[in-house]
Amino acid sequence: MHDPELQLLTGTTTAGVDAELVLVEVDSLAAATAALLELTTGRGDFGLLLVCDARLESVEDISALSRASLLAGMHWFSSWGPDCERVHDIVDADIVGFVIEGEDRAAAVGQPAPACDLVMTTWHDDEPLSEAVEFFWTCAVPAGEQHDSGLRVLVTVAMPEVTSEILVAVADLS
């Protein structure tokens, strides 16, 4: 396993929010979880776009990333790649678990209760990655009255071939 590669891209979303998009390239979901926690600790809320081939990923590994992200303040989750609908469903199940179990679930993992009251989720199984990136940049804003820190995190897991496509898509948003 190698250290995560990070690229910082900044701009203004169509909602007028000064935002930063951090592209994180890792080789496993466990590395994604660790990098995400390091990147988001103390930063407030954030949106997450997960780009991976999830066909061989376990429910436990996906859920570990999901739960850690929820506890860190994730207000938006999108997924793209093979089996991304299943990833989305696992994240939704974790969100429901937090709502139903509330403080008890948070205490079980030794963390405070989730930072965001409402988390929007989407999956993008039938569109090009460039469109999923544009949708994420444009729409990944907190619902209701939640504060928007402007942090957007795009994580690729073991898919180095998509980096150039992501960079082109982000450049087209400027």
Protein backbone atom coordinates (compact mmCIF):
# COMPACT_ATOMS: atom_id res chain seq x y z
CA MET A 1 0.00 0.00 0.00
CA HIS A 2 1.27 3.47 -0.81
CA ASP A 3 0.50 6.79 0.81
CA PRO A 4 -2.59 8.54 -0.49
CA GLU A 5 -2.00 11.06 -3.23
CA LEU A 6 -3.81 14.36 -2.68
CA GLN A 7 -4.55 17.15 -5.12
CA LEU A 8 -6.25 20.37 -4.06
CA LEU A 9 -8.49 22.12 -6.57
CA THR A 10 -10.38 25.27 -5.62
CA GLY A 11 -13.22 27.25 -7.11
CA THR A 12 -16.71 28.56 -6.59
CA THR A 13 -19.68 26.22 -6.89
CA THR A 14 -22.74 27.17 -8.89
CA ALA A 15 -24.40 27.86 -5.53
CA GLY A 16 -21.81 30.60 -4.98
CA VAL A 17 -19.88 28.74 -2.26
CA ASP A 18 -16.12 29.18 -2.18
CA ALA A 19 -15.12 25.55 -2.20
CA GLU A 20 -12.15 23.28 -2.34
CA LEU A 21 -12.20 19.92 -4.02
CA VAL A 22 -9.61 17.48 -2.73
CA LEU A 23 -8.84 14.55 -5.00
CA VAL A 24 -7.59 11.58 -2.94
CA GLU A 25 -6.13 8.57 -4.73
CA VAL A 26 -5.74 5.39 -2.66
CA ASP A 27 -5.44 1.67 -3.29
CA SER A 28 -8.00 0.33 -0.79
CA LEU A 29 -11.14 1.30 1.09
CA ALA A 30 -9.21 1.03 4.36
CA ALA A 31 -6.69 3.57 3.05
CA ALA A 32 -9.60 5.75 1.88
CA THR A 33 -11.10 5.69 5.38
CA ALA A 34 -7.79 6.65 7.01
CA ALA A 35 -7.09 9.43 4.49
CA LEU A 36 -10.61 10.81 4.78
CA LEU A 37 -10.45 10.96 8.57
CA GLU A 38 -7.08 12.69 8.48
CA LEU A 39 -8.28 15.18 5.88
CA THR A 40 -11.64 16.03 7.48
CA THR A 41 -10.86 16.03 11.21
CA GLY A 42 -11.68 19.46 12.58
CA ARG A 43 -12.85 20.75 9.18
CA GLY A 44 -16.60 20.55 9.72
CA ASP A 45 -19.01 19.16 7.16
CA PHE A 46 -18.04 17.86 3.72
CA GLY A 47 -19.34 16.14 0.61
CA LEU A 48 -17.85 12.85 -0.59
CA LEU A 49 -17.76 11.31 -4.07
CA LEU A 50 -16.42 7.75 -3.99
CA VAL A 51 -15.11 6.39 -7.30
CA CYS A 52 -14.34 2.69 -7.18
CA ASP A 53 -15.07 -0.76 -8.55
CA ALA A 54 -17.06 -2.08 -5.61
CA ARG A 55 -17.84 -5.52 -7.00
CA LEU A 56 -15.18 -7.15 -4.81
CA GLU A 57 -15.49 -4.83 -1.81
CA SER A 58 -17.05 -6.24 1.35
CA VAL A 59 -20.06 -4.73 3.05
CA GLU A 60 -17.91 -4.35 6.18
CA ASP A 61 -15.21 -2.30 4.39
CA ILE A 62 -17.77 -0.08 2.66
CA SER A 63 -19.65 0.41 5.91
CA ALA A 64 -16.45 1.27 7.79
CA LEU A 65 -15.82 4.12 5.33
CA SER A 66 -19.46 5.15 5.53
CA ARG A 67 -19.66 5.20 9.33
CA ALA A 68 -16.36 7.05 9.70
CA SER A 69 -17.49 9.63 7.14
CA LEU A 70 -20.85 10.12 8.83
CA LEU A 71 -19.20 10.64 12.20
CA ALA A 72 -16.73 13.10 10.65
CA GLY A 73 -19.57 15.30 9.30
CA MET A 74 -20.40 14.05 5.81
CA HIS A 75 -23.45 15.91 4.48
CA TRP A 76 -23.43 14.45 0.96
CA PHE A 77 -22.43 11.09 -0.51
CA SER A 78 -22.20 10.12 -4.16
CA SER A 79 -20.79 6.96 -5.70
CA TRP A 80 -19.64 6.10 -9.21
CA GLY A 81 -18.25 2.91 -10.73
CA PRO A 82 -19.23 -0.74 -11.02
CA ASP A 83 -21.65 -1.74 -8.24
CA CYS A 84 -22.00 1.86 -7.03
CA GLU A 85 -25.71 1.38 -6.33
CA ARG A 86 -24.82 -1.26 -3.71
CA VAL A 87 -22.33 1.17 -2.14
CA HIS A 88 -25.05 3.81 -2.02
CA ASP A 89 -27.48 1.36 -0.39
CA ILE A 90 -24.92 0.45 2.29
CA VAL A 91 -24.37 4.14 3.08
CA ASP A 92 -28.13 4.67 3.26
CA ALA A 93 -28.42 1.72 5.66
CA ASP A 94 -25.73 3.25 7.88
CA ILE A 95 -27.55 6.59 7.86
CA VAL A 96 -30.77 4.87 8.92
CA GLY A 97 -28.81 3.03 11.61
CA PHE A 98 -27.58 6.31 13.03
CA VAL A 99 -31.10 7.73 13.04
CA ILE A 100 -32.61 4.66 14.70
CA GLU A 101 -29.82 3.95 17.16
CA GLY A 102 -28.66 7.55 17.63
CA GLU A 103 -26.27 8.13 20.49
CA ASP A 104 -25.95 4.43 21.29
CA ARG A 105 -24.35 3.65 17.94
CA ALA A 106 -22.02 6.62 18.20
CA ALA A 107 -20.95 5.55 21.68
CA ALA A 108 -20.29 2.02 20.42
CA VAL A 109 -17.60 3.28 18.05
CA GLY A 110 -16.21 5.76 20.57
CA GLN A 111 -17.17 8.85 18.59
CA PRO A 112 -19.59 11.74 19.06
CA ALA A 113 -22.98 11.66 17.42
CA PRO A 114 -23.00 12.38 13.67
CA ALA A 115 -22.38 16.03 12.86
CA CYS A 116 -25.01 16.43 10.14
CA ASP A 117 -28.71 15.92 10.63
CA LEU A 118 -29.50 15.15 6.99
CA VAL A 119 -27.26 13.41 4.47
CA MET A 120 -28.10 13.38 0.77
CA THR A 121 -26.98 10.34 -1.23
CA THR A 122 -26.78 9.56 -4.96
CA TRP A 123 -25.30 6.92 -7.22
CA HIS A 124 -24.28 7.33 -10.84
CA ASP A 125 -24.17 3.95 -12.56
CA ASP A 126 -25.33 4.98 -16.00
CA GLU A 127 -23.49 8.21 -16.72
CA PRO A 128 -19.94 9.20 -17.59
CA LEU A 129 -17.60 10.03 -14.72
CA SER A 130 -17.33 13.62 -15.96
CA GLU A 131 -21.08 14.08 -15.45
CA ALA A 132 -20.93 12.55 -11.96
CA VAL A 133 -18.10 14.96 -11.07
CA GLU A 134 -20.06 17.93 -12.42
CA PHE A 135 -23.19 16.85 -10.52
CA PHE A 136 -21.16 16.44 -7.32
CA TRP A 137 -19.53 19.87 -7.67
CA THR A 138 -22.84 21.54 -8.50
CA CYS A 139 -25.20 19.78 -6.10
CA ALA A 140 -23.23 18.54 -3.06
CA VAL A 141 -24.52 21.20 -0.71
CA PRO A 142 -25.94 20.59 2.75
CA ALA A 143 -29.70 20.36 3.03
CA GLY A 144 -31.73 22.82 5.04
CA GLU A 145 -29.96 25.22 7.35
CA GLN A 146 -26.76 23.22 7.74
CA HIS A 147 -23.51 25.16 7.35
CA ASP A 148 -21.48 24.53 4.16
CA SER A 149 -17.74 24.46 4.85
CA GLY A 150 -17.12 24.20 1.11
CA LEU A 151 -15.07 21.02 1.45
CA ARG A 152 -15.67 18.44 -1.28
CA VAL A 153 -13.65 15.22 -1.25
CA LEU A 154 -13.38 12.99 -4.31
CA VAL A 155 -11.82 9.62 -3.46
CA THR A 156 -10.65 7.12 -6.07
CA VAL A 157 -9.90 3.59 -4.90
CA ALA A 158 -7.51 1.50 -7.03
CA MET A 159 -8.55 3.31 -10.22
CA PRO A 160 -5.55 5.41 -11.33
CA GLU A 161 -6.84 5.34 -14.91
CA VAL A 162 -9.64 7.80 -14.06
CA THR A 163 -7.45 10.58 -12.62
CA SER A 164 -6.91 12.37 -15.92
CA GLU A 165 -10.64 12.21 -16.71
CA ILE A 166 -11.43 13.72 -13.30
CA LEU A 167 -8.89 16.53 -13.77
CA VAL A 168 -10.36 17.37 -17.19
CA ALA A 169 -13.89 17.36 -15.74
CA VAL A 170 -12.86 19.66 -12.91
CA ALA A 171 -11.03 22.02 -15.29
CA ASP A 172 -14.21 22.22 -17.40
CA LEU A 173 -16.13 23.38 -14.31
CA SER A 174 -13.97 26.48 -13.92
